[in-house]
């Protein structure tokens, strides 16, 4: 396991599941770190350069959902639901990247 794979797994394990003000801050920092990892993976070779953009696209929807989970106009139940959707989508997106990235040596 290389350092990028280890970092992805560590981020994956940090994703919170319950909506709280602190967890919103945590998930936003995780998204930022994930974006940084995506940028570095994308630069590794042409295979990753072609296959990483879909992860950025998914992150935009996740960020929008996180934002909805923190809007004052939404009820607690709605905030919880939005946050749960965002954290689940982030976990799915990150798991897909972990599977795609594997050991960082794919070129096909």
Protein backbone atom coordinates (compact mmCIF):
# COMPACT_ATOMS: atom_id res chain seq x y z
CA UNK A 1 0.00 0.00 0.00
CA UNK A 2 1.48 3.33 -1.03
CA UNK A 3 1.07 6.63 0.82
CA UNK A 4 -1.81 7.80 -1.38
CA UNK A 5 -3.77 4.61 -0.77
CA UNK A 6 -3.09 4.94 2.96
CA UNK A 7 -4.26 8.57 2.91
CA UNK A 8 -7.45 7.61 1.03
CA UNK A 9 -8.22 4.87 3.54
CA UNK A 10 -7.57 7.22 6.46
CA UNK A 11 -9.92 9.84 4.98
CA UNK A 12 -12.55 7.19 4.29
CA UNK A 13 -12.45 6.09 7.92
CA UNK A 14 -12.84 9.69 9.15
CA UNK A 15 -16.13 10.40 7.33
CA UNK A 16 -18.75 11.23 9.98
CA UNK A 17 -22.26 9.78 9.75
CA UNK A 18 -24.26 12.01 12.10
CA UNK A 19 -25.11 15.67 11.57
CA UNK A 20 -23.57 18.07 14.08
CA UNK A 21 -21.92 21.44 13.60
CA UNK A 22 -18.50 19.87 14.26
CA UNK A 23 -19.17 17.05 11.80
CA UNK A 24 -20.09 19.56 9.09
CA UNK A 25 -16.69 21.20 9.62
CA UNK A 26 -15.00 17.78 9.61
CA UNK A 27 -16.68 16.59 6.42
CA UNK A 28 -15.82 19.85 4.66
CA UNK A 29 -12.15 19.43 5.59
CA UNK A 30 -12.28 15.80 4.43
CA UNK A 31 -13.72 16.93 1.08
CA UNK A 32 -10.88 19.46 0.72
CA UNK A 33 -8.25 16.81 1.51
CA UNK A 34 -9.96 14.42 -0.91
CA UNK A 35 -9.84 17.03 -3.67
CA UNK A 36 -6.12 17.51 -3.03
CA UNK A 37 -5.58 13.75 -3.33
CA UNK A 38 -7.60 13.66 -6.54
CA UNK A 39 -5.40 16.37 -8.02
CA UNK A 40 -2.24 14.48 -7.13
CA UNK A 41 -3.60 11.17 -8.47
CA UNK A 42 -4.73 12.84 -11.67
CA UNK A 43 -1.16 14.02 -12.25
CA UNK A 44 0.38 10.53 -11.86
CA UNK A 45 -0.23 9.27 -15.40
CA UNK A 46 -2.57 9.48 -18.38
CA UNK A 47 -4.80 6.63 -17.16
CA UNK A 48 -5.67 8.51 -13.98
CA UNK A 49 -5.84 11.81 -15.83
CA UNK A 50 -8.65 10.35 -17.98
CA UNK A 51 -10.49 8.60 -15.16
CA UNK A 52 -10.39 11.08 -12.28
CA UNK A 53 -12.70 13.88 -13.55
CA UNK A 54 -15.85 11.90 -12.69
CA UNK A 55 -14.82 12.03 -9.02
CA UNK A 56 -14.61 15.83 -9.14
CA UNK A 57 -18.09 15.95 -10.69
CA UNK A 58 -19.51 13.79 -7.90
CA UNK A 59 -17.83 15.99 -5.28
CA UNK A 60 -19.70 19.06 -6.53
CA UNK A 61 -23.02 17.37 -5.78
CA UNK A 62 -21.73 16.21 -2.39
CA UNK A 63 -20.61 19.75 -1.49
CA UNK A 64 -24.04 21.10 -2.43
CA UNK A 65 -25.74 18.51 -0.23
CA UNK A 66 -23.42 19.29 2.70
CA UNK A 67 -24.29 22.95 2.29
CA UNK A 68 -28.02 22.11 2.40
CA UNK A 69 -27.43 20.18 5.62
CA UNK A 70 -26.19 23.36 7.24
CA UNK A 71 -28.85 25.82 6.06
CA UNK A 72 -30.86 27.37 8.88
CA UNK A 73 -34.11 27.24 6.92
CA UNK A 74 -34.09 23.43 6.97
CA UNK A 75 -35.53 21.43 9.84
CA UNK A 76 -33.32 19.23 12.02
CA UNK A 77 -34.75 16.16 10.30
CA UNK A 78 -33.97 17.61 6.85
CA UNK A 79 -30.47 18.59 7.92
CA UNK A 80 -29.87 15.07 9.23
CA UNK A 81 -31.16 13.58 5.98
CA UNK A 82 -29.04 15.86 3.78
CA UNK A 83 -25.96 15.15 5.86
CA UNK A 84 -26.58 11.41 5.76
CA UNK A 85 -26.97 11.57 1.98
CA UNK A 86 -23.76 13.59 1.63
CA UNK A 87 -21.68 11.37 3.87
CA UNK A 88 -22.97 8.22 2.16
CA UNK A 89 -22.24 9.65 -1.28
CA UNK A 90 -18.77 10.71 -0.16
CA UNK A 91 -18.07 7.22 1.16
CA UNK A 92 -19.29 5.68 -2.10
CA UNK A 93 -17.23 8.11 -4.19
CA UNK A 94 -14.12 7.51 -2.11
CA UNK A 95 -14.59 3.73 -2.19
CA UNK A 96 -14.89 3.86 -5.97
CA UNK A 97 -11.63 5.82 -6.13
CA UNK A 98 -9.87 3.39 -3.80
CA UNK A 99 -10.96 0.55 -6.11
CA UNK A 100 -9.89 2.42 -9.25
CA UNK A 101 -6.60 3.63 -7.82
CA UNK A 102 -5.65 0.27 -6.29
CA UNK A 103 -1.87 0.43 -5.82
CA UNK A 104 -1.33 3.49 -7.99
CA UNK A 105 0.29 1.58 -10.83
CA UNK A 106 -2.57 1.29 -13.30
CA UNK A 107 -1.82 2.44 -16.81
CA UNK A 108 -4.43 0.65 -18.91
